[in-house]
């Protein structure tokens, strides 16, 4: 069975994944428009979000977040702002979402 990059990085087996997946969330959209020119803005925002997300999540949903992940289209972007915010590259994804029942790519 294929182990996803994230699960392998954490050391999760299927049982641990099922027990702990609710403590993860992902940053699916992050955009700073090209005409906004503020040095280090992206990494600063990502850092602030990372620091307060777990407490905000606990307040709204009743449990903390221990892992925040994102997906960067490496054919279009370098992910530099994530690197500058100390995010860790854990590997490539299969290019599909958790809601994809057929395990197929959403990319054309």
PDB file of N, CA and C in Angstrom:
ATOM      1  N   UNK A   1       0.840  -1.193   0.000  1.00  0.00           N
ATOM      2  CA  UNK A   1       0.000   0.000   0.000  1.00  0.00           C
ATOM      3  C   UNK A   1       0.874   1.243   0.000  1.00  0.00           C
ATOM      4  N   UNK A   2       0.499   2.229  -0.795  1.00  0.00           N
ATOM      5  CA  UNK A   2       1.251   3.474  -0.885  1.00  0.00           C
ATOM      6  C   UNK A   2       1.085   4.295   0.390  1.00  0.00           C
ATOM      7  N   UNK A   3       2.198   4.731   0.960  1.00  0.00           N
ATOM      8  CA  UNK A   3       2.148   5.638   2.108  1.00  0.00           C
ATOM      9  C   UNK A   3       2.386   7.051   1.595  1.00  0.00           C
ATOM     10  N   UNK A   4       1.468   7.929   1.883  1.00  0.00           N
ATOM     11  CA  UNK A   4       1.605   9.312   1.447  1.00  0.00           C
ATOM     12  C   UNK A   4       2.847   9.938   2.059  1.00  0.00           C
ATOM     13  N   UNK A   5       3.377  10.940   1.392  1.00  0.00           N
ATOM     14  CA  UNK A   5       4.603  11.601   1.861  1.00  0.00           C
ATOM     15  C   UNK A   5       4.449  12.118   3.287  1.00  0.00           C
ATOM     16  N   UNK A   6       3.319  12.737   3.574  1.00  0.00           N
ATOM     17  CA  UNK A   6       3.082  13.256   4.916  1.00  0.00           C
ATOM     18  C   UNK A   6       3.068  12.137   5.948  1.00  0.00           C
ATOM     19  N   UNK A   7       2.317  11.084   5.669  1.00  0.00           N
ATOM     20  CA  UNK A   7       2.195   9.979   6.614  1.00  0.00           C
ATOM     21  C   UNK A   7       3.535   9.307   6.851  1.00  0.00           C
ATOM     22  N   UNK A   8       4.302   9.168   5.801  1.00  0.00           N
ATOM     23  CA  UNK A   8       5.633   8.573   5.922  1.00  0.00           C
ATOM     24  C   UNK A   8       6.547   9.469   6.747  1.00  0.00           C
ATOM     25  N   UNK A   9       6.496  10.779   6.511  1.00  0.00           N
ATOM     26  CA  UNK A   9       7.324  11.735   7.246  1.00  0.00           C
ATOM     27  C   UNK A   9       7.016  11.685   8.743  1.00  0.00           C
ATOM     28  N   UNK A  10       5.726  11.607   9.081  1.00  0.00           N
ATOM     29  CA  UNK A  10       5.306  11.570  10.479  1.00  0.00           C
ATOM     30  C   UNK A  10       5.574  10.204  11.096  1.00  0.00           C
ATOM     31  N   UNK A  11       5.496   9.168  10.281  1.00  0.00           N
ATOM     32  CA  UNK A  11       5.661   7.815  10.785  1.00  0.00           C
ATOM     33  C   UNK A  11       4.341   7.132  11.077  1.00  0.00           C
ATOM     34  N   UNK A  12       3.280   7.610  10.434  1.00  0.00           N
ATOM     35  CA  UNK A  12       1.952   7.052  10.651  1.00  0.00           C
ATOM     36  C   UNK A  12       1.758   5.767   9.860  1.00  0.00           C
ATOM     37  N   UNK A  13       1.145   4.790  10.511  1.00  0.00           N
ATOM     38  CA  UNK A  13       0.589   3.654   9.795  1.00  0.00           C
ATOM     39  C   UNK A  13      -0.893   3.971   9.590  1.00  0.00           C
ATOM     40  N   UNK A  14      -1.629   3.063   8.976  1.00  0.00           N
ATOM     41  CA  UNK A  14      -3.047   3.330   8.680  1.00  0.00           C
ATOM     42  C   UNK A  14      -3.852   3.617   9.947  1.00  0.00           C
ATOM     43  N   UNK A  15      -3.592   2.873  11.001  1.00  0.00           N
ATOM     44  CA  UNK A  15      -4.337   3.049  12.257  1.00  0.00           C
ATOM     45  C   UNK A  15      -4.059   4.429  12.877  1.00  0.00           C
ATOM     46  N   UNK A  16      -2.793   4.818  12.927  1.00  0.00           N
ATOM     47  CA  UNK A  16      -2.436   6.132  13.476  1.00  0.00           C
ATOM     48  C   UNK A  16      -3.012   7.258  12.623  1.00  0.00           C
ATOM     49  N   UNK A  17      -3.000   7.062  11.310  1.00  0.00           N
ATOM     50  CA  UNK A  17      -3.557   8.074  10.402  1.00  0.00           C
ATOM     51  C   UNK A  17      -5.038   8.286  10.688  1.00  0.00           C
ATOM     52  N   UNK A  18      -5.786   7.203  10.805  1.00  0.00           N
ATOM     53  CA  UNK A  18      -7.216   7.306  11.073  1.00  0.00           C
ATOM     54  C   UNK A  18      -7.501   7.964  12.419  1.00  0.00           C
ATOM     55  N   UNK A  19      -6.656   7.715  13.402  1.00  0.00           N
ATOM     56  CA  UNK A  19      -6.863   8.268  14.740  1.00  0.00           C
ATOM     57  C   UNK A  19      -6.485   9.744  14.838  1.00  0.00           C
ATOM     58  N   UNK A  20      -5.595  10.214  13.970  1.00  0.00           N
ATOM     59  CA  UNK A  20      -5.037  11.549  14.140  1.00  0.00           C
ATOM     60  C   UNK A  20      -5.284  12.535  13.007  1.00  0.00           C
ATOM     61  N   UNK A  21      -5.909  12.097  11.937  1.00  0.00           N
ATOM     62  CA  UNK A  21      -6.079  12.978  10.782  1.00  0.00           C
ATOM     63  C   UNK A  21      -6.867  14.239  11.124  1.00  0.00           C
ATOM     64  N   UNK A  22      -7.779  14.174  12.082  1.00  0.00           N
ATOM     65  CA  UNK A  22      -8.567  15.351  12.449  1.00  0.00           C
ATOM     66  C   UNK A  22      -7.715  16.462  13.066  1.00  0.00           C
ATOM     67  N   UNK A  23      -6.499  16.141  13.478  1.00  0.00           N
ATOM     68  CA  UNK A  23      -5.610  17.134  14.075  1.00  0.00           C
ATOM     69  C   UNK A  23      -4.704  17.793  13.042  1.00  0.00           C
ATOM     70  N   UNK A  24      -5.001  17.559  11.768  1.00  0.00           N
ATOM     71  CA  UNK A  24      -4.262  18.200  10.686  1.00  0.00           C
ATOM     72  C   UNK A  24      -5.217  19.044   9.863  1.00  0.00           C
ATOM     73  N   UNK A  25      -4.692  20.048   9.232  1.00  0.00           N
ATOM     74  CA  UNK A  25      -5.468  20.830   8.273  1.00  0.00           C
ATOM     75  C   UNK A  25      -4.520  21.324   7.207  1.00  0.00           C
ATOM     76  N   UNK A  26      -5.071  21.847   6.126  1.00  0.00           N
ATOM     77  CA  UNK A  26      -4.185  22.337   5.075  1.00  0.00           C
ATOM     78  C   UNK A  26      -4.563  23.725   4.614  1.00  0.00           C
ATOM     79  N   UNK A  27      -3.560  24.384   4.137  1.00  0.00           N
ATOM     80  CA  UNK A  27      -3.673  25.721   3.589  1.00  0.00           C
ATOM     81  C   UNK A  27      -3.854  25.543   2.077  1.00  0.00           C
ATOM     82  N   UNK A  28      -5.099  25.506   1.619  1.00  0.00           N
ATOM     83  CA  UNK A  28      -5.338  25.196   0.218  1.00  0.00           C
ATOM     84  C   UNK A  28      -5.218  26.402  -0.707  1.00  0.00           C
ATOM     85  N   UNK A  29      -5.376  27.582  -0.160  1.00  0.00           N
ATOM     86  CA  UNK A  29      -5.282  28.793  -0.985  1.00  0.00           C
ATOM     87  C   UNK A  29      -4.462  29.844  -0.254  1.00  0.00           C
ATOM     88  N   UNK A  30      -3.483  30.382  -0.951  1.00  0.00           N
ATOM     89  CA  UNK A  30      -2.712  31.490  -0.399  1.00  0.00           C
ATOM     90  C   UNK A  30      -2.247  32.324  -1.576  1.00  0.00           C
ATOM     91  N   UNK A  31      -2.697  33.553  -1.633  1.00  0.00           N
ATOM     92  CA  UNK A  31      -2.375  34.410  -2.766  1.00  0.00           C
ATOM     93  C   UNK A  31      -2.135  35.830  -2.287  1.00  0.00           C
ATOM     94  N   UNK A  32      -1.032  36.369  -2.728  1.00  0.00           N
ATOM     95  CA  UNK A  32      -0.777  37.800  -2.599  1.00  0.00           C
ATOM     96  C   UNK A  32      -0.674  38.300  -4.030  1.00  0.00           C
ATOM     97  N   UNK A  33      -1.516  39.212  -4.369  1.00  0.00           N
ATOM     98  CA  UNK A  33      -1.579  39.689  -5.745  1.00  0.00           C
ATOM     99  C   UNK A  33      -0.243  40.295  -6.180  1.00  0.00           C
ATOM    100  N   UNK A  34       0.110  40.137  -7.446  1.00  0.00           N
ATOM    101  CA  UNK A  34       1.433  40.540  -7.934  1.00  0.00           C
ATOM    102  C   UNK A  34       1.775  42.017  -7.739  1.00  0.00           C
ATOM    103  N   UNK A  35       0.783  42.889  -7.697  1.00  0.00           N
ATOM    104  CA  UNK A  35       1.074  44.317  -7.556  1.00  0.00           C
ATOM    105  C   UNK A  35       1.285  44.739  -6.104  1.00  0.00           C
ATOM    106  N   UNK A  36       1.089  43.838  -5.159  1.00  0.00           N
ATOM    107  CA  UNK A  36       1.363  44.132  -3.750  1.00  0.00           C
ATOM    108  C   UNK A  36       2.849  43.863  -3.505  1.00  0.00           C
ATOM    109  N   UNK A  37       3.589  44.903  -3.260  1.00  0.00           N
ATOM    110  CA  UNK A  37       5.043  44.774  -3.106  1.00  0.00           C
ATOM    111  C   UNK A  37       5.458  45.189  -1.705  1.00  0.00           C
ATOM    112  N   UNK A  38       5.396  44.257  -0.786  1.00  0.00           N
ATOM    113  CA  UNK A  38       5.820  44.475   0.597  1.00  0.00           C
ATOM    114  C   UNK A  38       6.856  43.394   0.907  1.00  0.00           C
ATOM    115  N   UNK A  39       8.086  43.784   1.201  1.00  0.00           N
ATOM    116  CA  UNK A  39       9.121  42.789   1.468  1.00  0.00           C
ATOM    117  C   UNK A  39       8.714  41.816   2.585  1.00  0.00           C
ATOM    118  N   UNK A  40       8.908  40.531   2.351  1.00  0.00           N
ATOM    119  CA  UNK A  40       8.688  39.463   3.338  1.00  0.00           C
ATOM    120  C   UNK A  40       7.230  39.311   3.776  1.00  0.00           C
ATOM    121  N   UNK A  41       6.296  39.895   3.044  1.00  0.00           N
ATOM    122  CA  UNK A  41       4.895  39.844   3.446  1.00  0.00           C
ATOM    123  C   UNK A  41       4.373  38.410   3.517  1.00  0.00           C
ATOM    124  N   UNK A  42       4.639  37.621   2.495  1.00  0.00           N
ATOM    125  CA  UNK A  42       4.106  36.254   2.449  1.00  0.00           C
ATOM    126  C   UNK A  42       4.618  35.409   3.617  1.00  0.00           C
ATOM    127  N   UNK A  43       5.901  35.420   3.854  1.00  0.00           N
ATOM    128  CA  UNK A  43       6.442  34.599   4.946  1.00  0.00           C
ATOM    129  C   UNK A  43       5.977  35.122   6.303  1.00  0.00           C
ATOM    130  N   UNK A  44       5.800  36.420   6.417  1.00  0.00           N
ATOM    131  CA  UNK A  44       5.309  36.998   7.668  1.00  0.00           C
ATOM    132  C   UNK A  44       3.866  36.545   7.948  1.00  0.00           C
ATOM    133  N   UNK A  45       3.012  36.594   6.942  1.00  0.00           N
ATOM    134  CA  UNK A  45       1.624  36.159   7.101  1.00  0.00           C
ATOM    135  C   UNK A  45       1.564  34.676   7.448  1.00  0.00           C
ATOM    136  N   UNK A  46       2.315  33.856   6.726  1.00  0.00           N
ATOM    137  CA  UNK A  46       2.322  32.414   6.993  1.00  0.00           C
ATOM    138  C   UNK A  46       2.798  32.107   8.404  1.00  0.00           C
ATOM    139  N   UNK A  47       3.776  32.834   8.863  1.00  0.00           N
ATOM    140  CA  UNK A  47       4.278  32.643  10.221  1.00  0.00           C
ATOM    141  C   UNK A  47       3.211  32.991  11.257  1.00  0.00           C
ATOM    142  N   UNK A  48       2.527  34.110  11.064  1.00  0.00           N
ATOM    143  CA  UNK A  48       1.466  34.514  11.988  1.00  0.00           C
ATOM    144  C   UNK A  48       0.313  33.507  12.002  1.00  0.00           C
ATOM    145  N   UNK A  49      -0.066  33.044  10.821  1.00  0.00           N
ATOM    146  CA  UNK A  49      -1.140  32.056  10.723  1.00  0.00           C
ATOM    147  C   UNK A  49      -0.763  30.778  11.465  1.00  0.00           C
ATOM    148  N   UNK A  50       0.453  30.331  11.256  1.00  0.00           N
ATOM    149  CA  UNK A  50       0.923  29.091  11.890  1.00  0.00           C
ATOM    150  C   UNK A  50       0.907  29.188  13.409  1.00  0.00           C
ATOM    151  N   UNK A  51       1.235  30.343  13.919  1.00  0.00           N
ATOM    152  CA  UNK A  51       1.313  30.516  15.371  1.00  0.00           C
ATOM    153  C   UNK A  51      -0.060  30.538  16.047  1.00  0.00           C
ATOM    154  N   UNK A  52      -1.078  31.032  15.377  1.00  0.00           N
ATOM    155  CA  UNK A  52      -2.377  31.179  16.049  1.00  0.00           C
ATOM    156  C   UNK A  52      -3.441  30.194  15.610  1.00  0.00           C
ATOM    157  N   UNK A  53      -3.179  29.429  14.580  1.00  0.00           N
ATOM    158  CA  UNK A  53      -4.195  28.545  14.022  1.00  0.00           C
ATOM    159  C   UNK A  53      -4.734  27.534  15.031  1.00  0.00           C
ATOM    160  N   UNK A  54      -3.875  26.887  15.787  1.00  0.00           N
ATOM    161  CA  UNK A  54      -4.318  25.841  16.705  1.00  0.00           C
ATOM    162  C   UNK A  54      -5.274  26.382  17.766  1.00  0.00           C
ATOM    163  N   UNK A  55      -4.951  27.541  18.327  1.00  0.00           N
ATOM    164  CA  UNK A  55      -5.852  28.105  19.348  1.00  0.00           C
ATOM    165  C   UNK A  55      -7.170  28.564  18.728  1.00  0.00           C
ATOM    166  N   UNK A  56      -7.132  29.154  17.540  1.00  0.00           N
ATOM    167  CA  UNK A  56      -8.367  29.547  16.858  1.00  0.00           C
ATOM    168  C   UNK A  56      -9.211  28.317  16.527  1.00  0.00           C
ATOM    169  N   UNK A  57      -8.571  27.266  16.070  1.00  0.00           N
ATOM    170  CA  UNK A  57      -9.268  26.029  15.712  1.00  0.00           C
ATOM    171  C   UNK A  57      -9.911  25.413  16.955  1.00  0.00           C
ATOM    172  N   UNK A  58      -9.158  25.404  18.059  1.00  0.00           N
ATOM    173  CA  UNK A  58      -9.692  24.861  19.316  1.00  0.00           C
ATOM    174  C   UNK A  58     -10.936  25.612  19.752  1.00  0.00           C
ATOM    175  N   UNK A  59     -10.897  26.918  19.620  1.00  0.00           N
ATOM    176  CA  UNK A  59     -12.034  27.748  20.003  1.00  0.00           C
ATOM    177  C   UNK A  59     -13.265  27.427  19.147  1.00  0.00           C
ATOM    178  N   UNK A  60     -13.062  27.242  17.854  1.00  0.00           N
ATOM    179  CA  UNK A  60     -14.181  27.010  16.950  1.00  0.00           C
ATOM    180  C   UNK A  60     -14.640  25.550  16.905  1.00  0.00           C
ATOM    181  N   UNK A  61     -13.678  24.604  16.891  1.00  0.00           N
ATOM    182  CA  UNK A  61     -14.027  23.200  16.669  1.00  0.00           C
ATOM    183  C   UNK A  61     -13.807  22.296  17.883  1.00  0.00           C
ATOM    184  N   UNK A  62     -13.220  22.824  18.934  1.00  0.00           N
ATOM    185  CA  UNK A  62     -13.078  22.055  20.164  1.00  0.00           C
ATOM    186  C   UNK A  62     -11.876  21.134  20.245  1.00  0.00           C
ATOM    187  N   UNK A  63     -10.959  21.243  19.298  1.00  0.00           N
ATOM    188  CA  UNK A  63      -9.714  20.469  19.383  1.00  0.00           C
ATOM    189  C   UNK A  63      -8.603  21.219  18.655  1.00  0.00           C
ATOM    190  N   UNK A  64      -7.369  20.983  19.060  1.00  0.00           N
ATOM    191  CA  UNK A  64      -6.241  21.708  18.452  1.00  0.00           C
ATOM    192  C   UNK A  64      -5.834  21.125  17.096  1.00  0.00           C
ATOM    193  N   UNK A  65      -4.980  21.838  16.426  1.00  0.00           N
ATOM    194  CA  UNK A  65      -4.332  21.384  15.197  1.00  0.00           C
ATOM    195  C   UNK A  65      -2.853  21.230  15.518  1.00  0.00           C
ATOM    196  N   UNK A  66      -2.309  20.075  15.169  1.00  0.00           N
ATOM    197  CA  UNK A  66      -0.886  19.819  15.418  1.00  0.00           C
ATOM    198  C   UNK A  66      -0.044  19.873  14.157  1.00  0.00           C
ATOM    199  N   UNK A  67      -0.703  19.781  13.001  1.00  0.00           N
ATOM    200  CA  UNK A  67       0.036  19.772  11.738  1.00  0.00           C
ATOM    201  C   UNK A  67      -0.706  20.605  10.709  1.00  0.00           C
ATOM    202  N   UNK A  68       0.007  21.504  10.092  1.00  0.00           N
ATOM    203  CA  UNK A  68      -0.521  22.340   9.026  1.00  0.00           C
ATOM    204  C   UNK A  68       0.259  22.015   7.766  1.00  0.00           C
ATOM    205  N   UNK A  69      -0.456  21.726   6.685  1.00  0.00           N
ATOM    206  CA  UNK A  69       0.226  21.382   5.438  1.00  0.00           C
ATOM    207  C   UNK A  69      -0.299  22.243   4.304  1.00  0.00           C
ATOM    208  N   UNK A  70       0.452  22.265   3.229  1.00  0.00           N
ATOM    209  CA  UNK A  70       0.036  22.985   2.037  1.00  0.00           C
ATOM    210  C   UNK A  70       0.506  22.220   0.821  1.00  0.00           C
ATOM    211  N   UNK A  71       0.056  22.641  -0.331  1.00  0.00           N
ATOM    212  CA  UNK A  71       0.419  22.001  -1.577  1.00  0.00           C
ATOM    213  C   UNK A  71       0.873  23.087  -2.545  1.00  0.00           C
ATOM    214  N   UNK A  72       2.057  22.932  -3.087  1.00  0.00           N
ATOM    215  CA  UNK A  72       2.621  23.917  -4.005  1.00  0.00           C
ATOM    216  C   UNK A  72       2.785  23.257  -5.365  1.00  0.00           C
ATOM    217  N   UNK A  73       2.223  23.869  -6.388  1.00  0.00           N
ATOM    218  CA  UNK A  73       2.400  23.370  -7.750  1.00  0.00           C
ATOM    219  C   UNK A  73       3.814  23.740  -8.177  1.00  0.00           C
ATOM    220  N   UNK A  74       4.720  22.783  -8.065  1.00  0.00           N
ATOM    221  CA  UNK A  74       6.141  23.041  -8.325  1.00  0.00           C
ATOM    222  C   UNK A  74       6.424  23.372  -9.789  1.00  0.00           C
ATOM    223  N   UNK A  75       5.496  23.095 -10.686  1.00  0.00           N
ATOM    224  CA  UNK A  75       5.700  23.468 -12.083  1.00  0.00           C
ATOM    225  C   UNK A  75       5.452  24.960 -12.299  1.00  0.00           C
ATOM    226  N   UNK A  76       4.761  25.597 -11.337  1.00  0.00           N
ATOM    227  CA  UNK A  76       4.451  27.018 -11.467  1.00  0.00           C
ATOM    228  C   UNK A  76       5.086  27.898 -10.394  1.00  0.00           C
ATOM    229  N   UNK A  77       5.365  27.307  -9.218  1.00  0.00           N
ATOM    230  CA  UNK A  77       5.850  28.093  -8.083  1.00  0.00           C
ATOM    231  C   UNK A  77       7.019  27.386  -7.399  1.00  0.00           C
ATOM    232  N   UNK A  78       7.819  28.150  -6.685  1.00  0.00           N
ATOM    233  CA  UNK A  78       8.973  27.586  -5.986  1.00  0.00           C
ATOM    234  C   UNK A  78       8.681  27.271  -4.525  1.00  0.00           C
ATOM    235  N   UNK A  79       7.668  27.894  -3.957  1.00  0.00           N
ATOM    236  CA  UNK A  79       7.361  27.678  -2.547  1.00  0.00           C
ATOM    237  C   UNK A  79       8.316  28.412  -1.620  1.00  0.00           C
ATOM    238  N   UNK A  80       8.947  29.454  -2.120  1.00  0.00           N
ATOM    239  CA  UNK A  80       9.953  30.201  -1.359  1.00  0.00           C
ATOM    240  C   UNK A  80       9.397  30.788  -0.073  1.00  0.00           C
ATOM    241  N   UNK A  81       8.166  31.298  -0.102  1.00  0.00           N
ATOM    242  CA  UNK A  81       7.603  31.904   1.104  1.00  0.00           C
ATOM    243  C   UNK A  81       7.398  30.856   2.196  1.00  0.00           C
ATOM    244  N   UNK A  82       7.103  29.615   1.811  1.00  0.00           N
ATOM    245  CA  UNK A  82       6.955  28.550   2.806  1.00  0.00           C
ATOM    246  C   UNK A  82       8.313  28.190   3.399  1.00  0.00           C
ATOM    247  N   UNK A  83       9.323  28.129   2.568  1.00  0.00           N
ATOM    248  CA  UNK A  83      10.674  27.862   3.060  1.00  0.00           C
ATOM    249  C   UNK A  83      11.114  28.961   4.022  1.00  0.00           C
ATOM    250  N   UNK A  84      10.826  30.210   3.684  1.00  0.00           N
ATOM    251  CA  UNK A  84      11.211  31.337   4.529  1.00  0.00           C
ATOM    252  C   UNK A  84      10.448  31.333   5.858  1.00  0.00           C
ATOM    253  N   UNK A  85       9.296  30.672   5.890  1.00  0.00           N
ATOM    254  CA  UNK A  85       8.487  30.589   7.115  1.00  0.00           C
ATOM    255  C   UNK A  85       8.790  29.317   7.909  1.00  0.00           C
ATOM    256  N   UNK A  86       9.841  28.606   7.504  1.00  0.00           N
ATOM    257  CA  UNK A  86      10.287  27.378   8.177  1.00  0.00           C
ATOM    258  C   UNK A  86       9.353  26.195   8.015  1.00  0.00           C
ATOM    259  N   UNK A  87       8.579  26.168   6.945  1.00  0.00           N
ATOM    260  CA  UNK A  87       7.791  24.986   6.635  1.00  0.00           C
ATOM    261  C   UNK A  87       8.759  23.940   6.103  1.00  0.00           C
ATOM    262  N   UNK A  88       8.438  22.684   6.280  1.00  0.00           N
ATOM    263  CA  UNK A  88       9.320  21.583   5.892  1.00  0.00           C
ATOM    264  C   UNK A  88       8.734  20.859   4.695  1.00  0.00           C
ATOM    265  N   UNK A  89       9.534  20.702   3.656  1.00  0.00           N
ATOM    266  CA  UNK A  89       9.115  19.933   2.492  1.00  0.00           C
ATOM    267  C   UNK A  89       9.189  18.449   2.866  1.00  0.00           C
ATOM    268  N   UNK A  90       8.058  17.758   2.755  1.00  0.00           N
ATOM    269  CA  UNK A  90       8.034  16.349   3.153  1.00  0.00           C
ATOM    270  C   UNK A  90       7.895  15.403   1.970  1.00  0.00           C
ATOM    271  N   UNK A  91       7.639  15.927   0.785  1.00  0.00           N
ATOM    272  CA  UNK A  91       7.540  15.077  -0.392  1.00  0.00           C
ATOM    273  C   UNK A  91       6.415  15.495  -1.313  1.00  0.00           C
ATOM    274  N   UNK A  92       6.338  14.805  -2.436  1.00  0.00           N
ATOM    275  CA  UNK A  92       5.319  15.080  -3.435  1.00  0.00           C
ATOM    276  C   UNK A  92       4.015  14.380  -3.082  1.00  0.00           C
ATOM    277  N   UNK A  93       2.913  14.979  -3.483  1.00  0.00           N
ATOM    278  CA  UNK A  93       1.602  14.356  -3.301  1.00  0.00           C
ATOM    279  C   UNK A  93       1.225  13.598  -4.569  1.00  0.00           C
ATOM    280  N   UNK A  94       0.096  12.927  -4.507  1.00  0.00           N
ATOM    281  CA  UNK A  94      -0.419  12.239  -5.685  1.00  0.00           C
ATOM    282  C   UNK A  94      -1.203  13.185  -6.580  1.00  0.00           C
ATOM    283  N   UNK A  95      -1.399  14.429  -6.143  1.00  0.00           N
ATOM    284  CA  UNK A  95      -2.099  15.405  -6.964  1.00  0.00           C
ATOM    285  C   UNK A  95      -3.603  15.262  -6.937  1.00  0.00           C
ATOM    286  N   UNK A  96      -4.136  14.759  -5.847  1.00  0.00           N
ATOM    287  CA  UNK A  96      -5.583  14.617  -5.723  1.00  0.00           C
ATOM    288  C   UNK A  96      -6.006  15.108  -4.352  1.00  0.00           C
ATOM    289  N   UNK A  97      -7.307  15.298  -4.172  1.00  0.00           N
ATOM    290  CA  UNK A  97      -7.807  15.768  -2.891  1.00  0.00           C
ATOM    291  C   UNK A  97      -8.332  14.618  -2.062  1.00  0.00           C
ATOM    292  N   UNK A  98      -8.541  14.861  -0.781  1.00  0.00           N
ATOM    293  CA  UNK A  98      -9.074  13.817   0.099  1.00  0.00           C
ATOM    294  C   UNK A  98     -10.497  13.428  -0.285  1.00  0.00           C
ATOM    295  N   UNK A  99     -11.183  14.297  -1.025  1.00  0.00           N
ATOM    296  CA  UNK A  99     -12.565  14.013  -1.420  1.00  0.00           C
ATOM    297  C   UNK A  99     -12.666  13.250  -2.735  1.00  0.00           C
ATOM    298  N   UNK A 100     -11.543  12.967  -3.351  1.00  0.00           N
ATOM    299  CA  UNK A 100     -11.530  12.291  -4.639  1.00  0.00           C
ATOM    300  C   UNK A 100     -11.708  10.790  -4.445  1.00  0.00           C
ATOM    301  N   UNK A 101     -12.897  10.300  -4.698  1.00  0.00           N
ATOM    302  CA  UNK A 101     -13.201   8.878  -4.487  1.00  0.00           C
ATOM    303  C   UNK A 101     -12.487   7.969  -5.473  1.00  0.00           C
ATOM    304  N   UNK A 102     -12.211   8.477  -6.665  1.00  0.00           N
ATOM    305  CA  UNK A 102     -11.606   7.655  -7.708  1.00  0.00           C
ATOM    306  C   UNK A 102     -10.082   7.700  -7.704  1.00  0.00           C
ATOM    307  N   UNK A 103      -9.512   8.457  -6.749  1.00  0.00           N
ATOM    308  CA  UNK A 103      -8.064   8.583  -6.647  1.00  0.00           C
ATOM    309  C   UNK A 103      -7.436   9.084  -7.955  1.00  0.00           C
ATOM    310  N   UNK A 104      -8.069  10.073  -8.548  1.00  0.00           N
ATOM    311  CA  UNK A 104      -7.569  10.634  -9.793  1.00  0.00           C
ATOM    312  C   UNK A 104      -7.147  12.073  -9.578  1.00  0.00           C
ATOM    313  N   UNK A 105      -6.311  12.556 -10.434  1.00  0.00           N
ATOM    314  CA  UNK A 105      -5.783  13.910 -10.335  1.00  0.00           C
ATOM    315  C   UNK A 105      -6.855  14.920 -10.686  1.00  0.00           C
ATOM    316  N   UNK A 106      -6.817  16.068  -9.994  1.00  0.00           N
ATOM    317  CA  UNK A 106      -7.730  17.167 -10.313  1.00  0.00           C
ATOM    318  C   UNK A 106      -7.123  18.097 -11.370  1.00  0.00           C
ATOM    319  N   UNK A 107      -5.886  17.842 -11.747  1.00  0.00           N
ATOM    320  CA  UNK A 107      -5.193  18.710 -12.683  1.00  0.00           C
ATOM    321  C   UNK A 107      -5.469  18.251 -14.106  1.00  0.00           C
ATOM    322  N   UNK A 108      -5.527  19.206 -15.011  1.00  0.00           N
ATOM    323  CA  UNK A 108      -5.754  18.869 -16.413  1.00  0.00           C
ATOM    324  C   UNK A 108      -4.455  18.842 -17.155  1.00  0.00           C
TER     325      UNK A 108
END
